[in-house]
């Protein structure tokens, strides 16, 4: 059930995501999972896109995760071979998926 509240998609609140390009392997799984959120730049690394599709190339740029892509973005973070995708709960900045998730 994409975008639903499951153990993998925490209930309540918006999510944000960012990519640490220093760790990105350019594997492309994130783009396969959520093309509306992730995209490669000419350097071969993944970056996040905002709601209008604008690529955010500044280091540490965060974007909101559309509700219907919550599970896809969380799965991208979990399966990322470079462990470079960070998914945070907007309200308290707790990492819910990614290398620093508890």
PDB file of N, CA and C in Angstrom:
ATOM      1  N   UNK A   1       0.855  -1.174   0.000  1.00  0.00           N
ATOM      2  CA  UNK A   1       0.000   0.000   0.000  1.00  0.00           C
ATOM      3  C   UNK A   1       0.901   1.237   0.000  1.00  0.00           C
ATOM      4  N   UNK A   2       1.345   1.742  -1.184  1.00  0.00           N
ATOM      5  CA  UNK A   2       2.233   2.891  -1.262  1.00  0.00           C
ATOM      6  C   UNK A   2       1.671   4.095  -0.523  1.00  0.00           C
ATOM      7  N   UNK A   3       2.578   4.755   0.207  1.00  0.00           N
ATOM      8  CA  UNK A   3       2.200   5.966   0.919  1.00  0.00           C
ATOM      9  C   UNK A   3       1.426   5.708   2.192  1.00  0.00           C
ATOM     10  N   UNK A   4       1.169   4.448   2.522  1.00  0.00           N
ATOM     11  CA  UNK A   4       0.400   4.131   3.722  1.00  0.00           C
ATOM     12  C   UNK A   4       1.281   4.084   4.945  1.00  0.00           C
ATOM     13  N   UNK A   5       0.644   3.964   6.101  1.00  0.00           N
ATOM     14  CA  UNK A   5       1.391   3.862   7.331  1.00  0.00           C
ATOM     15  C   UNK A   5       1.645   2.394   7.624  1.00  0.00           C
ATOM     16  N   UNK A   6       2.884   1.980   7.490  1.00  0.00           N
ATOM     17  CA  UNK A   6       3.323   0.625   7.775  1.00  0.00           C
ATOM     18  C   UNK A   6       4.532   0.740   8.680  1.00  0.00           C
ATOM     19  N   UNK A   7       5.082  -0.361   9.153  1.00  0.00           N
ATOM     20  CA  UNK A   7       6.298  -0.253   9.949  1.00  0.00           C
ATOM     21  C   UNK A   7       7.429   0.449   9.204  1.00  0.00           C
ATOM     22  N   UNK A   8       7.446   0.371   7.865  1.00  0.00           N
ATOM     23  CA  UNK A   8       8.490   1.018   7.091  1.00  0.00           C
ATOM     24  C   UNK A   8       8.182   2.476   6.768  1.00  0.00           C
ATOM     25  N   UNK A   9       6.961   2.916   6.946  1.00  0.00           N
ATOM     26  CA  UNK A   9       6.575   4.299   6.668  1.00  0.00           C
ATOM     27  C   UNK A   9       5.958   4.866   7.938  1.00  0.00           C
ATOM     28  N   UNK A  10       6.750   5.584   8.717  1.00  0.00           N
ATOM     29  CA  UNK A  10       6.268   6.051  10.009  1.00  0.00           C
ATOM     30  C   UNK A  10       5.025   6.915   9.889  1.00  0.00           C
ATOM     31  N   UNK A  11       4.127   6.718  10.822  1.00  0.00           N
ATOM     32  CA  UNK A  11       2.884   7.488  10.829  1.00  0.00           C
ATOM     33  C   UNK A  11       3.148   8.911  11.283  1.00  0.00           C
ATOM     34  N   UNK A  12       2.365   9.804  10.786  1.00  0.00           N
ATOM     35  CA  UNK A  12       2.376  11.183  11.265  1.00  0.00           C
ATOM     36  C   UNK A  12       3.537  12.003  10.747  1.00  0.00           C
ATOM     37  N   UNK A  13       3.218  13.097  10.127  1.00  0.00           N
ATOM     38  CA  UNK A  13       4.240  14.046   9.718  1.00  0.00           C
ATOM     39  C   UNK A  13       4.790  13.816   8.336  1.00  0.00           C
ATOM     40  N   UNK A  14       5.356  14.859   7.857  1.00  0.00           N
ATOM     41  CA  UNK A  14       5.970  14.859   6.536  1.00  0.00           C
ATOM     42  C   UNK A  14       7.384  14.290   6.626  1.00  0.00           C
ATOM     43  N   UNK A  15       7.885  13.852   5.494  1.00  0.00           N
ATOM     44  CA  UNK A  15       9.256  13.370   5.406  1.00  0.00           C
ATOM     45  C   UNK A  15      10.047  14.254   4.457  1.00  0.00           C
ATOM     46  N   UNK A  16      11.342  14.347   4.715  1.00  0.00           N
ATOM     47  CA  UNK A  16      12.277  15.018   3.831  1.00  0.00           C
ATOM     48  C   UNK A  16      13.372  14.023   3.482  1.00  0.00           C
ATOM     49  N   UNK A  17      14.056  14.274   2.369  1.00  0.00           N
ATOM     50  CA  UNK A  17      15.139  13.394   1.945  1.00  0.00           C
ATOM     51  C   UNK A  17      16.289  14.233   1.403  1.00  0.00           C
ATOM     52  N   UNK A  18      17.500  13.726   1.614  1.00  0.00           N
ATOM     53  CA  UNK A  18      18.683  14.334   1.011  1.00  0.00           C
ATOM     54  C   UNK A  18      19.687  13.239   0.682  1.00  0.00           C
ATOM     55  N   UNK A  19      20.606  13.552  -0.234  1.00  0.00           N
ATOM     56  CA  UNK A  19      21.620  12.601  -0.677  1.00  0.00           C
ATOM     57  C   UNK A  19      22.997  13.175  -0.356  1.00  0.00           C
ATOM     58  N   UNK A  20      23.839  12.348   0.254  1.00  0.00           N
ATOM     59  CA  UNK A  20      25.230  12.718   0.513  1.00  0.00           C
ATOM     60  C   UNK A  20      26.050  12.297  -0.703  1.00  0.00           C
ATOM     61  N   UNK A  21      26.366  13.238  -1.573  1.00  0.00           N
ATOM     62  CA  UNK A  21      27.064  12.925  -2.815  1.00  0.00           C
ATOM     63  C   UNK A  21      28.470  12.377  -2.566  1.00  0.00           C
ATOM     64  N   UNK A  22      29.065  12.667  -1.398  1.00  0.00           N
ATOM     65  CA  UNK A  22      30.394  12.130  -1.094  1.00  0.00           C
ATOM     66  C   UNK A  22      30.362  10.606  -0.971  1.00  0.00           C
ATOM     67  N   UNK A  23      29.196  10.043  -0.684  1.00  0.00           N
ATOM     68  CA  UNK A  23      29.056   8.597  -0.532  1.00  0.00           C
ATOM     69  C   UNK A  23      28.350   7.930  -1.707  1.00  0.00           C
ATOM     70  N   UNK A  24      27.776   8.719  -2.606  1.00  0.00           N
ATOM     71  CA  UNK A  24      27.000   8.180  -3.717  1.00  0.00           C
ATOM     72  C   UNK A  24      27.893   7.369  -4.653  1.00  0.00           C
ATOM     73  N   UNK A  25      27.420   6.169  -4.999  1.00  0.00           N
ATOM     74  CA  UNK A  25      28.159   5.291  -5.906  1.00  0.00           C
ATOM     75  C   UNK A  25      27.681   5.425  -7.346  1.00  0.00           C
ATOM     76  N   UNK A  26      26.607   6.193  -7.563  1.00  0.00           N
ATOM     77  CA  UNK A  26      26.074   6.356  -8.909  1.00  0.00           C
ATOM     78  C   UNK A  26      25.400   5.103  -9.437  1.00  0.00           C
ATOM     79  N   UNK A  27      24.991   4.219  -8.546  1.00  0.00           N
ATOM     80  CA  UNK A  27      24.389   2.952  -8.926  1.00  0.00           C
ATOM     81  C   UNK A  27      23.036   3.123  -9.614  1.00  0.00           C
ATOM     82  N   UNK A  28      22.238   4.079  -9.156  1.00  0.00           N
ATOM     83  CA  UNK A  28      20.977   4.389  -9.823  1.00  0.00           C
ATOM     84  C   UNK A  28      19.732   3.745  -9.262  1.00  0.00           C
ATOM     85  N   UNK A  29      19.854   2.963  -8.200  1.00  0.00           N
ATOM     86  CA  UNK A  29      18.658   2.342  -7.632  1.00  0.00           C
ATOM     87  C   UNK A  29      17.652   3.387  -7.189  1.00  0.00           C
ATOM     88  N   UNK A  30      18.133   4.491  -6.627  1.00  0.00           N
ATOM     89  CA  UNK A  30      17.211   5.519  -6.140  1.00  0.00           C
ATOM     90  C   UNK A  30      16.367   6.088  -7.272  1.00  0.00           C
ATOM     91  N   UNK A  31      16.978   6.305  -8.425  1.00  0.00           N
ATOM     92  CA  UNK A  31      16.247   6.840  -9.575  1.00  0.00           C
ATOM     93  C   UNK A  31      15.207   5.826 -10.043  1.00  0.00           C
ATOM     94  N   UNK A  32      15.548   4.543  -9.973  1.00  0.00           N
ATOM     95  CA  UNK A  32      14.593   3.502 -10.353  1.00  0.00           C
ATOM     96  C   UNK A  32      13.418   3.454  -9.385  1.00  0.00           C
ATOM     97  N   UNK A  33      13.692   3.663  -8.104  1.00  0.00           N
ATOM     98  CA  UNK A  33      12.627   3.634  -7.097  1.00  0.00           C
ATOM     99  C   UNK A  33      11.717   4.864  -7.176  1.00  0.00           C
ATOM    100  N   UNK A  34      12.309   6.037  -7.324  1.00  0.00           N
ATOM    101  CA  UNK A  34      11.520   7.280  -7.244  1.00  0.00           C
ATOM    102  C   UNK A  34      12.084   8.342  -8.176  1.00  0.00           C
ATOM    103  N   UNK A  35      11.776   8.203  -9.446  1.00  0.00           N
ATOM    104  CA  UNK A  35      12.254   9.120 -10.489  1.00  0.00           C
ATOM    105  C   UNK A  35      11.799  10.566 -10.256  1.00  0.00           C
ATOM    106  N   UNK A  36      10.680  10.742  -9.548  1.00  0.00           N
ATOM    107  CA  UNK A  36      10.189  12.091  -9.276  1.00  0.00           C
ATOM    108  C   UNK A  36      10.948  12.776  -8.147  1.00  0.00           C
ATOM    109  N   UNK A  37      11.772  12.020  -7.424  1.00  0.00           N
ATOM    110  CA  UNK A  37      12.504  12.570  -6.283  1.00  0.00           C
ATOM    111  C   UNK A  37      14.012  12.598  -6.533  1.00  0.00           C
ATOM    112  N   UNK A  38      14.538  11.588  -7.231  1.00  0.00           N
ATOM    113  CA  UNK A  38      15.983  11.471  -7.452  1.00  0.00           C
ATOM    114  C   UNK A  38      16.305  11.587  -8.937  1.00  0.00           C
ATOM    115  N   UNK A  39      17.489  12.161  -9.213  1.00  0.00           N
ATOM    116  CA  UNK A  39      17.950  12.279 -10.594  1.00  0.00           C
ATOM    117  C   UNK A  39      19.469  12.388 -10.586  1.00  0.00           C
ATOM    118  N   UNK A  40      20.086  11.910 -11.662  1.00  0.00           N
ATOM    119  CA  UNK A  40      21.526  12.066 -11.820  1.00  0.00           C
ATOM    120  C   UNK A  40      21.841  13.420 -12.435  1.00  0.00           C
ATOM    121  N   UNK A  41      22.947  14.005 -12.005  1.00  0.00           N
ATOM    122  CA  UNK A  41      23.469  15.206 -12.642  1.00  0.00           C
ATOM    123  C   UNK A  41      24.596  14.752 -13.581  1.00  0.00           C
ATOM    124  N   UNK A  42      25.205  15.683 -14.276  1.00  0.00           N
ATOM    125  CA  UNK A  42      26.236  15.322 -15.252  1.00  0.00           C
ATOM    126  C   UNK A  42      27.468  14.701 -14.601  1.00  0.00           C
ATOM    127  N   UNK A  43      27.620  14.865 -13.291  1.00  0.00           N
ATOM    128  CA  UNK A  43      28.749  14.258 -12.590  1.00  0.00           C
ATOM    129  C   UNK A  43      28.526  12.774 -12.291  1.00  0.00           C
ATOM    130  N   UNK A  44      27.349  12.239 -12.658  1.00  0.00           N
ATOM    131  CA  UNK A  44      27.051  10.833 -12.451  1.00  0.00           C
ATOM    132  C   UNK A  44      26.585  10.486 -11.050  1.00  0.00           C
ATOM    133  N   UNK A  45      26.314  11.519 -10.243  1.00  0.00           N
ATOM    134  CA  UNK A  45      25.854  11.309  -8.880  1.00  0.00           C
ATOM    135  C   UNK A  45      24.381  11.664  -8.747  1.00  0.00           C
ATOM    136  N   UNK A  46      23.730  11.049  -7.769  1.00  0.00           N
ATOM    137  CA  UNK A  46      22.303  11.289  -7.545  1.00  0.00           C
ATOM    138  C   UNK A  46      22.096  12.541  -6.701  1.00  0.00           C
ATOM    139  N   UNK A  47      21.033  13.260  -7.036  1.00  0.00           N
ATOM    140  CA  UNK A  47      20.609  14.453  -6.302  1.00  0.00           C
ATOM    141  C   UNK A  47      19.101  14.368  -6.124  1.00  0.00           C
ATOM    142  N   UNK A  48      18.562  15.193  -5.237  1.00  0.00           N
ATOM    143  CA  UNK A  48      17.115  15.241  -5.046  1.00  0.00           C
ATOM    144  C   UNK A  48      16.524  16.365  -5.887  1.00  0.00           C
ATOM    145  N   UNK A  49      15.231  16.196  -6.194  1.00  0.00           N
ATOM    146  CA  UNK A  49      14.484  17.208  -6.946  1.00  0.00           C
ATOM    147  C   UNK A  49      13.346  17.711  -6.075  1.00  0.00           C
ATOM    148  N   UNK A  50      13.073  19.010  -6.173  1.00  0.00           N
ATOM    149  CA  UNK A  50      11.952  19.563  -5.409  1.00  0.00           C
ATOM    150  C   UNK A  50      10.637  19.268  -6.123  1.00  0.00           C
ATOM    151  N   UNK A  51       9.534  19.730  -5.546  1.00  0.00           N
ATOM    152  CA  UNK A  51       8.207  19.452  -6.069  1.00  0.00           C
ATOM    153  C   UNK A  51       7.976  19.919  -7.488  1.00  0.00           C
ATOM    154  N   UNK A  52       8.746  20.913  -7.941  1.00  0.00           N
ATOM    155  CA  UNK A  52       8.595  21.398  -9.314  1.00  0.00           C
ATOM    156  C   UNK A  52       9.537  20.686 -10.282  1.00  0.00           C
ATOM    157  N   UNK A  53      10.318  19.718  -9.761  1.00  0.00           N
ATOM    158  CA  UNK A  53      11.232  18.974 -10.612  1.00  0.00           C
ATOM    159  C   UNK A  53      12.602  19.596 -10.750  1.00  0.00           C
ATOM    160  N   UNK A  54      12.867  20.656  -9.987  1.00  0.00           N
ATOM    161  CA  UNK A  54      14.163  21.354 -10.037  1.00  0.00           C
ATOM    162  C   UNK A  54      15.210  20.562  -9.266  1.00  0.00           C
ATOM    163  N   UNK A  55      16.306  20.228  -9.934  1.00  0.00           N
ATOM    164  CA  UNK A  55      17.404  19.503  -9.312  1.00  0.00           C
ATOM    165  C   UNK A  55      18.078  20.385  -8.271  1.00  0.00           C
ATOM    166  N   UNK A  56      18.264  19.850  -7.078  1.00  0.00           N
ATOM    167  CA  UNK A  56      18.879  20.591  -5.971  1.00  0.00           C
ATOM    168  C   UNK A  56      20.328  20.129  -5.838  1.00  0.00           C
ATOM    169  N   UNK A  57      21.269  20.925  -6.342  1.00  0.00           N
ATOM    170  CA  UNK A  57      22.662  20.488  -6.391  1.00  0.00           C
ATOM    171  C   UNK A  57      23.520  20.998  -5.240  1.00  0.00           C
ATOM    172  N   UNK A  58      22.990  21.860  -4.394  1.00  0.00           N
ATOM    173  CA  UNK A  58      23.760  22.325  -3.240  1.00  0.00           C
ATOM    174  C   UNK A  58      23.912  21.167  -2.250  1.00  0.00           C
ATOM    175  N   UNK A  59      25.103  21.038  -1.692  1.00  0.00           N
ATOM    176  CA  UNK A  59      25.362  19.960  -0.728  1.00  0.00           C
ATOM    177  C   UNK A  59      24.358  20.010   0.422  1.00  0.00           C
ATOM    178  N   UNK A  60      23.804  18.855   0.745  1.00  0.00           N
ATOM    179  CA  UNK A  60      22.876  18.754   1.868  1.00  0.00           C
ATOM    180  C   UNK A  60      21.471  19.250   1.594  1.00  0.00           C
ATOM    181  N   UNK A  61      21.152  19.562   0.339  1.00  0.00           N
ATOM    182  CA  UNK A  61      19.808  20.047   0.006  1.00  0.00           C
ATOM    183  C   UNK A  61      18.766  18.993   0.344  1.00  0.00           C
ATOM    184  N   UNK A  62      17.724  19.437   1.033  1.00  0.00           N
ATOM    185  CA  UNK A  62      16.625  18.552   1.416  1.00  0.00           C
ATOM    186  C   UNK A  62      15.368  18.945   0.672  1.00  0.00           C
ATOM    187  N   UNK A  63      14.580  17.938   0.338  1.00  0.00           N
ATOM    188  CA  UNK A  63      13.289  18.185  -0.302  1.00  0.00           C
ATOM    189  C   UNK A  63      12.226  17.374   0.423  1.00  0.00           C
ATOM    190  N   UNK A  64      10.992  17.830   0.314  1.00  0.00           N
ATOM    191  CA  UNK A  64       9.869  17.096   0.884  1.00  0.00           C
ATOM    192  C   UNK A  64       9.577  15.865   0.033  1.00  0.00           C
ATOM    193  N   UNK A  65       9.205  14.789   0.695  1.00  0.00           N
ATOM    194  CA  UNK A  65       8.849  13.547   0.013  1.00  0.00           C
ATOM    195  C   UNK A  65       7.340  13.550  -0.224  1.00  0.00           C
ATOM    196  N   UNK A  66       6.907  13.448  -1.490  1.00  0.00           N
ATOM    197  CA  UNK A  66       5.463  13.357  -1.753  1.00  0.00           C
ATOM    198  C   UNK A  66       4.878  12.132  -1.038  1.00  0.00           C
ATOM    199  N   UNK A  67       3.692  12.286  -0.478  1.00  0.00           N
ATOM    200  CA  UNK A  67       3.062  11.204   0.282  1.00  0.00           C
ATOM    201  C   UNK A  67       3.002   9.893  -0.498  1.00  0.00           C
ATOM    202  N   UNK A  68       2.682   9.971  -1.786  1.00  0.00           N
ATOM    203  CA  UNK A  68       2.526   8.749  -2.571  1.00  0.00           C
ATOM    204  C   UNK A  68       3.855   8.056  -2.877  1.00  0.00           C
ATOM    205  N   UNK A  69       4.980   8.708  -2.554  1.00  0.00           N
ATOM    206  CA  UNK A  69       6.294   8.108  -2.810  1.00  0.00           C
ATOM    207  C   UNK A  69       7.052   7.761  -1.524  1.00  0.00           C
ATOM    208  N   UNK A  70       6.381   7.876  -0.378  1.00  0.00           N
ATOM    209  CA  UNK A  70       7.045   7.622   0.906  1.00  0.00           C
ATOM    210  C   UNK A  70       7.730   6.260   0.947  1.00  0.00           C
ATOM    211  N   UNK A  71       7.019   5.217   0.622  1.00  0.00           N
ATOM    212  CA  UNK A  71       7.603   3.869   0.680  1.00  0.00           C
ATOM    213  C   UNK A  71       8.728   3.695  -0.330  1.00  0.00           C
ATOM    214  N   UNK A  72       8.567   4.265  -1.526  1.00  0.00           N
ATOM    215  CA  UNK A  72       9.604   4.148  -2.549  1.00  0.00           C
ATOM    216  C   UNK A  72      10.893   4.836  -2.105  1.00  0.00           C
ATOM    217  N   UNK A  73      10.777   6.003  -1.508  1.00  0.00           N
ATOM    218  CA  UNK A  73      11.957   6.744  -1.045  1.00  0.00           C
ATOM    219  C   UNK A  73      12.610   6.016   0.127  1.00  0.00           C
ATOM    220  N   UNK A  74      11.810   5.494   1.045  1.00  0.00           N
ATOM    221  CA  UNK A  74      12.353   4.724   2.171  1.00  0.00           C
ATOM    222  C   UNK A  74      13.055   3.473   1.663  1.00  0.00           C
ATOM    223  N   UNK A  75      12.453   2.771   0.702  1.00  0.00           N
ATOM    224  CA  UNK A  75      13.093   1.586   0.123  1.00  0.00           C
ATOM    225  C   UNK A  75      14.391   1.955  -0.589  1.00  0.00           C
ATOM    226  N   UNK A  76      14.411   3.086  -1.270  1.00  0.00           N
ATOM    227  CA  UNK A  76      15.632   3.540  -1.944  1.00  0.00           C
ATOM    228  C   UNK A  76      16.749   3.747  -0.921  1.00  0.00           C
ATOM    229  N   UNK A  77      16.414   4.353   0.219  1.00  0.00           N
ATOM    230  CA  UNK A  77      17.414   4.585   1.265  1.00  0.00           C
ATOM    231  C   UNK A  77      17.922   3.263   1.830  1.00  0.00           C
ATOM    232  N   UNK A  78      17.023   2.322   2.029  1.00  0.00           N
ATOM    233  CA  UNK A  78      17.410   1.032   2.604  1.00  0.00           C
ATOM    234  C   UNK A  78      18.265   0.205   1.646  1.00  0.00           C
ATOM    235  N   UNK A  79      17.992   0.299   0.350  1.00  0.00           N
ATOM    236  CA  UNK A  79      18.689  -0.522  -0.634  1.00  0.00           C
ATOM    237  C   UNK A  79      19.899   0.156  -1.268  1.00  0.00           C
ATOM    238  N   UNK A  80      20.136   1.412  -0.959  1.00  0.00           N
ATOM    239  CA  UNK A  80      21.231   2.169  -1.569  1.00  0.00           C
ATOM    240  C   UNK A  80      22.587   1.539  -1.219  1.00  0.00           C
ATOM    241  N   UNK A  81      23.364   1.113  -2.224  1.00  0.00           N
ATOM    242  CA  UNK A  81      24.654   0.485  -1.935  1.00  0.00           C
ATOM    243  C   UNK A  81      25.665   1.457  -1.318  1.00  0.00           C
ATOM    244  N   UNK A  82      25.509   2.747  -1.576  1.00  0.00           N
ATOM    245  CA  UNK A  82      26.422   3.733  -1.003  1.00  0.00           C
ATOM    246  C   UNK A  82      25.995   4.236   0.362  1.00  0.00           C
ATOM    247  N   UNK A  83      24.814   3.808   0.810  1.00  0.00           N
ATOM    248  CA  UNK A  83      24.245   4.267   2.079  1.00  0.00           C
ATOM    249  C   UNK A  83      24.340   5.792   2.200  1.00  0.00           C
ATOM    250  N   UNK A  84      23.863   6.476   1.147  1.00  0.00           N
ATOM    251  CA  UNK A  84      24.002   7.927   1.095  1.00  0.00           C
ATOM    252  C   UNK A  84      22.671   8.670   1.133  1.00  0.00           C
ATOM    253  N   UNK A  85      21.559   7.947   1.211  1.00  0.00           N
ATOM    254  CA  UNK A  85      20.238   8.585   1.208  1.00  0.00           C
ATOM    255  C   UNK A  85      19.727   8.670   2.633  1.00  0.00           C
ATOM    256  N   UNK A  86      19.347   9.877   3.028  1.00  0.00           N
ATOM    257  CA  UNK A  86      18.866  10.139   4.380  1.00  0.00           C
ATOM    258  C   UNK A  86      17.406  10.597   4.310  1.00  0.00           C
ATOM    259  N   UNK A  87      16.518   9.848   4.963  1.00  0.00           N
ATOM    260  CA  UNK A  87      15.099  10.192   5.015  1.00  0.00           C
ATOM    261  C   UNK A  87      14.796  10.618   6.451  1.00  0.00           C
ATOM    262  N   UNK A  88      14.308  11.851   6.596  1.00  0.00           N
ATOM    263  CA  UNK A  88      14.085  12.443   7.909  1.00  0.00           C
ATOM    264  C   UNK A  88      12.629  12.788   8.121  1.00  0.00           C
ATOM    265  N   UNK A  89      12.180  12.667   9.350  1.00  0.00           N
ATOM    266  CA  UNK A  89      10.862  13.164   9.729  1.00  0.00           C
ATOM    267  C   UNK A  89      11.002  14.679   9.861  1.00  0.00           C
ATOM    268  N   UNK A  90      10.208  15.428   9.131  1.00  0.00           N
ATOM    269  CA  UNK A  90      10.328  16.892   9.092  1.00  0.00           C
ATOM    270  C   UNK A  90      10.186  17.529  10.465  1.00  0.00           C
ATOM    271  N   UNK A  91       9.262  17.031  11.268  1.00  0.00           N
ATOM    272  CA  UNK A  91       8.950  17.670  12.542  1.00  0.00           C
ATOM    273  C   UNK A  91      10.135  17.711  13.497  1.00  0.00           C
ATOM    274  N   UNK A  92      10.883  16.610  13.595  1.00  0.00           N
ATOM    275  CA  UNK A  92      11.963  16.563  14.591  1.00  0.00           C
ATOM    276  C   UNK A  92      13.317  16.180  14.005  1.00  0.00           C
ATOM    277  N   UNK A  93      13.390  16.052  12.679  1.00  0.00           N
ATOM    278  CA  UNK A  93      14.623  15.723  11.965  1.00  0.00           C
ATOM    279  C   UNK A  93      15.209  14.364  12.362  1.00  0.00           C
ATOM    280  N   UNK A  94      14.371  13.470  12.878  1.00  0.00           N
ATOM    281  CA  UNK A  94      14.801  12.114  13.181  1.00  0.00           C
ATOM    282  C   UNK A  94      14.943  11.344  11.877  1.00  0.00           C
ATOM    283  N   UNK A  95      16.065  10.675  11.706  1.00  0.00           N
ATOM    284  CA  UNK A  95      16.266   9.878  10.492  1.00  0.00           C
ATOM    285  C   UNK A  95      15.489   8.574  10.628  1.00  0.00           C
ATOM    286  N   UNK A  96      14.569   8.356   9.665  1.00  0.00           N
ATOM    287  CA  UNK A  96      13.717   7.158   9.699  1.00  0.00           C
ATOM    288  C   UNK A  96      14.210   6.081   8.734  1.00  0.00           C
ATOM    289  N   UNK A  97      15.065   6.449   7.782  1.00  0.00           N
ATOM    290  CA  UNK A  97      15.691   5.490   6.867  1.00  0.00           C
ATOM    291  C   UNK A  97      17.001   6.092   6.407  1.00  0.00           C
ATOM    292  N   UNK A  98      17.986   5.242   6.242  1.00  0.00           N
ATOM    293  CA  UNK A  98      19.302   5.700   5.855  1.00  0.00           C
ATOM    294  C   UNK A  98      20.344   5.255   6.853  1.00  0.00           C
ATOM    295  N   UNK A  99      21.598   5.651   6.634  1.00  0.00           N
ATOM    296  CA  UNK A  99      22.693   5.143   7.459  1.00  0.00           C
ATOM    297  C   UNK A  99      22.622   5.539   8.937  1.00  0.00           C
ATOM    298  N   UNK A 100      21.931   6.628   9.260  1.00  0.00           N
ATOM    299  CA  UNK A 100      21.849   7.077  10.650  1.00  0.00           C
ATOM    300  C   UNK A 100      20.518   6.749  11.310  1.00  0.00           C
ATOM    301  N   UNK A 101      19.707   5.929  10.651  1.00  0.00           N
ATOM    302  CA  UNK A 101      18.396   5.573  11.223  1.00  0.00           C
ATOM    303  C   UNK A 101      18.597   4.649  12.422  1.00  0.00           C
ATOM    304  N   UNK A 102      17.769   4.863  13.433  1.00  0.00           N
ATOM    305  CA  UNK A 102      17.902   4.071  14.666  1.00  0.00           C
ATOM    306  C   UNK A 102      17.208   2.835  14.576  1.00  0.00           C
TER     307      UNK A 102
END
